[in-house]
Amino acid sequence: MKTIRVQTFGGPEVLQIEDIPELTPGWDQVVVQLEAIGVNPVDTYIRSGSHSVRPELPYTPGLDGAGVIVELGDGVTQWRRGQRVYLTGSLSGTYAERALCGANHVQPLPERVSFAQGAALGVPYTTAHYALFARGQARPGENVLVHGGTGGVGLATIQIARAAGLRVYATGGSDAGRALAREQGAHAVFDHTASDYRTELLAATAGQGFDVIIEMLANVNLASDLTLLATGGRVVVVGSRGPIEINPRDAMSRNADIRGVMLFTAPPAELNRSRAALQAGLENGTLRPVTGREFPLVAAARAHEAVLSSSASGKIVLIP
């Protein structure tokens, strides 16, 4: 079985294709033949060794994927061979032709959703829902800013927020990305490379500011985010690539909160609620995962470079 293995932490070049023995499921486990694999920014942080999660070396990267169940371990009664599923995690890593999963790592994939779209679900959509509602406590009618709305999590957040009755604003760094954010439901989209875009954002809310900001690059934006909040507003930090200096008075004067998000430490009950909501959205068609560039499995290093690009739009997907 072909898989990507990481023998040492480092740059994209440490992602190497290898052959390993076929996977065998144990008690309450399944093996999924992967048709598409999701690439997330967090995969690159873990690979580099800069993330708080540091798997034992060597390891196969990846949390997301979609495919068909091909093997069932003893004790598995809720799944069947041949069933289409998407992954919310795995025991073996997903940058491979097959993945070993706990029975609780897979979710049913509706026929209307492609495998590539299924690979965009696990981390991005769960993160988006958890960030908006469990952490951001977003409510219908509020103003929400998706700061970085053209990647996998950003587009998921736009769709989910719009379906929940929020007034949705987003930013993007390219014309194509901003157009995509509008297509997915953002009421207004702004160019975060423009020098005056923050003034435009505040003007769009008639000076009231945002009740919730979902922030994808806190090390660049957090300090200014605090000045864009409404009274009682919440900044929910989904992504950051380093430290930043802020003025606490900007939070104090607004009785504002800064809240972090990390799925690895999220309460299981909250994640289950998010996944139940996502399943309903997939079945009724309000959630439509958007995929971007596709790479063959052997080009995982190129995919890691692409997922961190400022021009990335939609979910980056590997095809085994």
Protein backbone atom coordinates (compact mmCIF):
# COMPACT_ATOMS: atom_id res chain seq x y z
CA MET A 1 0.00 0.00 0.00
CA LYS A 2 1.37 3.40 -0.97
CA THR A 3 1.53 6.05 1.73
CA ILE A 4 3.31 9.31 2.52
CA ARG A 5 5.71 8.94 5.44
CA VAL A 6 7.51 11.56 7.50
CA GLN A 7 10.79 10.28 8.96
CA THR A 8 11.86 13.60 10.47
CA PHE A 9 10.17 16.95 11.07
CA GLY A 10 11.01 19.61 8.52
CA GLY A 11 9.96 21.27 5.26
CA PRO A 12 7.67 19.84 2.56
CA GLU A 13 10.55 17.77 1.20
CA VAL A 14 10.25 15.36 4.17
CA LEU A 15 6.99 14.04 2.68
CA GLN A 16 8.13 10.86 0.96
CA ILE A 17 6.12 8.11 -0.76
CA GLU A 18 6.66 4.60 0.62
CA ASP A 19 5.15 1.11 0.39
CA ILE A 20 3.87 -0.37 3.65
CA PRO A 21 1.91 -3.56 4.47
CA GLU A 22 -1.86 -3.58 4.06
CA LEU A 23 -3.87 -2.44 7.08
CA THR A 24 -5.87 -4.87 9.22
CA PRO A 25 -8.74 -3.63 11.39
CA GLY A 26 -8.93 -4.52 15.06
CA TRP A 27 -11.87 -4.38 17.43
CA ASP A 28 -14.30 -1.57 16.55
CA GLN A 29 -12.14 -0.46 13.62
CA VAL A 30 -12.64 -0.13 9.87
CA VAL A 31 -10.37 0.22 6.85
CA VAL A 32 -11.36 2.83 4.27
CA GLN A 33 -10.20 2.80 0.65
CA LEU A 34 -9.53 6.50 0.11
CA GLU A 35 -10.71 8.20 -3.06
CA ALA A 36 -9.73 11.72 -1.97
CA ILE A 37 -7.62 13.16 0.85
CA GLY A 38 -7.97 16.61 2.40
CA VAL A 39 -4.91 18.81 3.00
CA ASN A 40 -5.15 21.31 5.88
CA PRO A 41 -2.78 24.07 7.05
CA VAL A 42 -2.48 22.24 10.39
CA ASP A 43 -0.94 19.31 8.50
CA THR A 44 1.96 21.57 7.55
CA TYR A 45 2.47 22.82 11.11
CA ILE A 46 2.57 19.25 12.45
CA ARG A 47 4.97 18.19 9.68
CA SER A 48 7.33 21.06 10.50
CA GLY A 49 7.40 20.17 14.21
CA SER A 50 6.09 23.62 15.20
CA HIS A 51 2.67 22.40 16.39
CA SER A 52 1.82 21.36 19.93
CA VAL A 53 0.83 17.97 18.50
CA ARG A 54 4.00 16.04 17.67
CA PRO A 55 3.31 12.49 16.49
CA GLU A 56 5.85 9.76 17.06
CA LEU A 57 8.16 9.41 14.06
CA PRO A 58 7.81 8.04 11.47
CA TYR A 59 4.18 8.87 10.78
CA THR A 60 1.69 9.29 7.95
CA PRO A 61 0.13 12.77 7.91
CA GLY A 62 -3.50 13.64 7.38
CA LEU A 63 -6.80 13.86 9.21
CA ASP A 64 -9.31 14.23 6.37
CA GLY A 65 -10.41 11.95 3.58
CA ALA A 66 -13.34 10.25 1.90
CA GLY A 67 -13.83 6.85 0.34
CA VAL A 68 -15.41 3.44 0.76
CA ILE A 69 -15.26 1.03 3.69
CA VAL A 70 -13.47 -2.15 2.57
CA GLU A 71 -12.78 -3.99 5.85
CA LEU A 72 -14.67 -4.28 9.13
CA GLY A 73 -13.16 -5.29 12.45
CA ASP A 74 -14.93 -7.36 15.08
CA GLY A 75 -17.58 -5.44 16.99
CA VAL A 76 -18.47 -3.07 14.15
CA THR A 77 -22.22 -3.15 13.57
CA GLN A 78 -23.08 0.38 12.42
CA TRP A 79 -21.14 0.26 9.14
CA ARG A 80 -21.03 -2.07 6.12
CA ARG A 81 -18.51 -2.85 3.40
CA GLY A 82 -18.96 -0.68 0.35
CA GLN A 83 -20.46 2.23 2.31
CA ARG A 84 -19.43 5.75 1.26
CA VAL A 85 -17.96 7.71 4.18
CA TYR A 86 -15.92 10.76 5.04
CA LEU A 87 -13.32 10.82 7.82
CA THR A 88 -13.09 13.00 10.91
CA GLY A 89 -9.78 11.42 11.90
CA SER A 90 -7.88 8.16 11.59
CA LEU A 91 -5.49 5.89 13.46
CA SER A 92 -3.01 5.52 10.60
CA GLY A 93 -3.07 8.94 8.85
CA THR A 94 -4.88 9.70 5.63
CA TYR A 95 -2.12 10.55 3.14
CA ALA A 96 -2.34 7.01 1.79
CA GLU A 97 -4.32 4.67 -0.41
CA ARG A 98 -6.13 3.32 2.66
CA ALA A 99 -6.73 4.50 6.22
CA LEU A 100 -7.32 2.58 9.44
CA CYS A 101 -10.05 4.28 11.46
CA GLY A 102 -11.96 3.81 14.65
CA ALA A 103 -15.62 3.21 13.91
CA ASN A 104 -16.29 6.66 15.39
CA HIS A 105 -13.90 8.33 12.91
CA VAL A 106 -16.20 7.89 9.91
CA GLN A 107 -19.43 9.60 8.94
CA PRO A 108 -21.86 8.72 6.13
CA LEU A 109 -21.25 10.56 2.85
CA PRO A 110 -24.48 11.33 0.96
CA GLU A 111 -24.61 10.36 -2.70
CA ARG A 112 -25.01 14.01 -3.70
CA VAL A 113 -21.55 14.77 -2.23
CA SER A 114 -18.47 13.77 -4.24
CA PHE A 115 -15.46 12.10 -2.65
CA ALA A 116 -13.38 15.25 -3.21
CA GLN A 117 -16.07 17.27 -1.43
CA GLY A 118 -16.13 14.66 1.32
CA ALA A 119 -12.40 15.18 1.84
CA ALA A 120 -13.18 18.86 2.52
CA LEU A 121 -15.51 18.11 5.42
CA GLY A 122 -13.76 16.68 8.47
CA VAL A 123 -11.47 19.43 9.76
CA PRO A 124 -12.75 22.52 7.86
CA TYR A 125 -16.49 22.13 8.41
CA THR A 126 -16.23 20.83 11.95
CA THR A 127 -13.85 23.70 12.79
CA ALA A 128 -16.18 26.25 11.20
CA HIS A 129 -19.27 25.07 13.06
CA TYR A 130 -17.46 24.67 16.38
CA ALA A 131 -15.83 28.11 16.02
CA LEU A 132 -19.07 29.87 15.14
CA PHE A 133 -21.41 28.37 17.69
CA ALA A 134 -19.59 26.59 20.53
CA ARG A 135 -16.81 29.17 20.80
CA GLY A 136 -18.22 32.27 19.09
CA GLN A 137 -21.78 31.83 20.38
CA ALA A 138 -23.04 33.36 17.14
CA ARG A 139 -26.76 34.12 16.97
CA PRO A 140 -29.09 34.85 14.04
CA GLY A 141 -29.05 38.51 13.04
CA GLU A 142 -25.51 39.18 14.27
CA ASN A 143 -22.69 40.51 12.10
CA VAL A 144 -19.92 37.98 11.51
CA LEU A 145 -16.62 38.65 9.74
CA VAL A 146 -14.81 35.69 8.20
CA HIS A 147 -11.30 37.14 8.11
CA GLY A 148 -9.74 35.00 5.40
CA GLY A 149 -12.83 33.60 3.72
CA THR A 150 -11.43 31.83 0.66
CA GLY A 151 -9.82 28.70 2.14
CA GLY A 152 -11.50 25.50 3.28
CA VAL A 153 -12.48 26.72 6.76
CA GLY A 154 -13.40 30.20 5.52
CA LEU A 155 -15.80 28.99 2.83
CA ALA A 156 -17.33 26.49 5.25
CA THR A 157 -17.87 29.27 7.78
CA ILE A 158 -19.58 31.46 5.18
CA GLN A 159 -21.99 28.71 4.18
CA ILE A 160 -22.82 27.71 7.76
CA ALA A 161 -23.23 31.30 8.99
CA ARG A 162 -25.45 32.30 6.08
CA ALA A 163 -27.67 29.24 6.58
CA ALA A 164 -28.00 30.15 10.28
CA GLY A 165 -29.29 33.66 9.59
CA LEU A 166 -26.19 35.75 10.31
CA ARG A 167 -25.13 38.80 8.33
CA VAL A 168 -21.91 37.52 6.74
CA TYR A 169 -18.90 39.60 5.71
CA ALA A 170 -15.65 38.12 4.42
CA THR A 171 -12.20 39.08 3.19
CA GLY A 172 -10.01 37.59 0.49
CA GLY A 173 -6.69 38.34 -1.17
CA SER A 174 -7.59 37.69 -4.82
CA ASP A 175 -10.38 38.61 -7.22
CA ALA A 176 -11.18 34.95 -7.81
CA GLY A 177 -11.25 34.18 -4.09
CA ARG A 178 -13.52 37.11 -3.32
CA ALA A 179 -15.89 36.10 -6.13
CA LEU A 180 -16.01 32.58 -4.68
CA ALA A 181 -16.82 33.92 -1.21
CA ARG A 182 -19.73 35.88 -2.68
CA GLU A 183 -20.97 32.78 -4.51
CA GLN A 184 -20.98 30.85 -1.24
CA GLY A 185 -23.22 33.37 0.49
CA ALA A 186 -21.20 36.29 1.87
CA HIS A 187 -23.28 39.47 1.82
CA ALA A 188 -20.17 41.61 1.22
CA VAL A 189 -16.53 40.77 0.54
CA PHE A 190 -13.45 42.98 0.97
CA ASP A 191 -9.85 42.93 -0.25
CA HIS A 192 -7.63 42.45 2.79
CA THR A 193 -4.59 43.52 0.80
CA ALA A 194 -6.02 47.05 0.42
CA SER A 195 -4.69 49.66 2.85
CA ASP A 196 -8.13 50.99 3.84
CA TYR A 197 -10.16 47.80 3.97
CA ARG A 198 -10.70 47.98 7.74
CA THR A 199 -12.35 51.39 7.33
CA GLU A 200 -14.58 49.88 4.65
CA LEU A 201 -15.47 46.98 6.94
CA LEU A 202 -16.60 49.27 9.75
CA ALA A 203 -18.55 51.43 7.32
CA ALA A 204 -20.38 48.35 6.03
CA THR A 205 -21.76 47.79 9.55
CA ALA A 206 -22.71 51.48 9.91
CA GLY A 207 -19.95 51.78 12.49
CA GLN A 208 -21.42 49.14 14.80
CA GLY A 209 -18.65 46.62 14.27
CA PHE A 210 -18.77 42.84 14.29
CA ASP A 211 -20.32 40.61 16.89
CA VAL A 212 -18.09 37.69 15.87
CA ILE A 213 -14.82 37.61 13.92
CA ILE A 214 -13.57 34.22 12.75
CA GLU A 215 -9.85 34.84 12.38
CA MET A 216 -7.63 32.67 10.15
CA LEU A 217 -4.32 34.56 10.57
CA ALA A 218 -4.21 35.99 14.07
CA ASN A 219 -0.50 36.80 14.05
CA VAL A 220 -1.25 39.43 11.39
CA ASN A 221 -4.78 40.56 12.21
CA LEU A 222 -5.62 40.11 15.88
CA ALA A 223 -4.64 43.58 17.06
CA SER A 224 -6.78 45.29 14.41
CA ASP A 225 -9.60 42.76 14.87
CA LEU A 226 -10.12 44.10 18.38
CA THR A 227 -10.81 47.57 16.94
CA LEU A 228 -13.45 46.12 14.58
CA LEU A 229 -15.55 44.45 17.30
CA ALA A 230 -18.94 45.59 18.53
CA THR A 231 -19.52 45.88 22.27
CA GLY A 232 -19.48 42.35 23.67
CA GLY A 233 -17.87 41.03 20.49
CA ARG A 234 -15.84 37.84 20.21
CA VAL A 235 -12.73 37.12 18.15
CA VAL A 236 -12.41 33.39 17.55
CA VAL A 237 -8.87 32.43 16.56
CA VAL A 238 -8.82 29.51 14.13
CA GLY A 239 -5.33 30.02 12.71
CA SER A 240 -2.06 31.73 13.65
CA ARG A 241 1.50 31.38 12.43
CA GLY A 242 3.28 33.19 15.22
CA PRO A 243 3.02 35.77 18.03
CA ILE A 244 1.51 39.25 17.89
CA GLU A 245 1.41 42.26 20.20
CA ILE A 246 -2.06 43.61 21.07
CA ASN A 247 -3.42 46.47 23.15
CA PRO A 248 -5.63 44.91 25.85
CA ARG A 249 -7.52 48.19 26.19
CA ASP A 250 -9.09 47.58 22.78
CA ALA A 251 -10.71 44.47 24.26
CA MET A 252 -11.48 46.09 27.61
CA SER A 253 -13.28 49.09 26.12
CA ARG A 254 -15.62 46.75 24.24
CA ASN A 255 -16.02 44.07 26.93
CA ALA A 256 -14.72 41.80 24.19
CA ASP A 257 -13.38 38.26 24.23
CA ILE A 258 -10.55 36.47 22.42
CA ARG A 259 -11.28 32.76 22.15
CA GLY A 260 -9.15 30.01 20.69
CA VAL A 261 -10.13 26.95 18.71
CA MET A 262 -8.36 23.61 18.48
CA LEU A 263 -10.25 20.47 17.51
CA PHE A 264 -7.67 18.23 19.19
CA THR A 265 -8.76 19.51 22.62
CA ALA A 266 -12.45 20.22 21.93
CA PRO A 267 -15.01 18.42 24.13
CA PRO A 268 -16.30 15.32 22.29
CA ALA A 269 -19.91 16.26 23.03
CA GLU A 270 -19.43 19.62 21.26
CA LEU A 271 -17.83 17.93 18.25
CA ASN A 272 -20.68 15.44 18.05
CA ARG A 273 -23.18 18.30 18.00
CA SER A 274 -21.27 20.01 15.22
CA ARG A 275 -21.09 16.81 13.16
CA ALA A 276 -24.81 16.17 13.58
CA ALA A 277 -25.54 19.68 12.29
CA LEU A 278 -23.17 19.17 9.36
CA GLN A 279 -24.85 15.89 8.42
CA ALA A 280 -28.21 17.65 8.26
CA GLY A 281 -26.72 20.40 6.08
CA LEU A 282 -25.22 17.87 3.69
CA GLU A 283 -28.48 15.98 3.39
CA ASN A 284 -30.64 19.05 2.77
CA GLY A 285 -28.13 20.71 0.44
CA THR A 286 -27.39 23.88 2.42
CA LEU A 287 -23.74 22.82 2.77
CA ARG A 288 -21.79 22.42 -0.47
CA PRO A 289 -18.07 21.80 0.12
CA VAL A 290 -15.86 23.72 -2.29
CA THR A 291 -12.70 22.05 -3.54
CA GLY A 292 -9.72 23.81 -5.06
CA ARG A 293 -6.61 22.32 -6.62
CA GLU A 294 -6.10 18.57 -6.80
CA PHE A 295 -2.69 16.88 -6.60
CA PRO A 296 -1.65 13.23 -6.93
CA LEU A 297 -0.58 11.60 -3.67
CA VAL A 298 3.07 11.62 -4.77
CA ALA A 299 2.90 15.44 -5.00
CA ALA A 300 2.02 15.92 -1.32
CA ALA A 301 4.95 18.34 -0.90
CA ARG A 302 3.50 20.63 -3.59
CA ALA A 303 0.10 20.42 -1.92
CA HIS A 304 1.66 21.59 1.38
CA GLU A 305 3.11 24.60 -0.38
CA ALA A 306 -0.22 25.37 -2.07
CA VAL A 307 -2.33 25.17 1.09
CA LEU A 308 -0.34 28.02 2.67
CA SER A 309 -0.48 30.22 -0.41
CA SER A 310 -2.37 33.51 -0.04
CA SER A 311 -4.09 32.76 -3.36
CA ALA A 312 -5.47 29.37 -2.27
CA SER A 313 -9.22 29.05 -2.82
CA GLY A 314 -11.25 26.05 -1.69
CA LYS A 315 -9.95 22.81 -0.22
CA ILE A 316 -6.66 21.37 -1.46
CA VAL A 317 -7.16 17.66 -2.23
CA LEU A 318 -4.80 14.73 -2.82
CA ILE A 319 -5.91 11.90 -5.10
CA PRO A 320 -4.37 8.46 -4.34
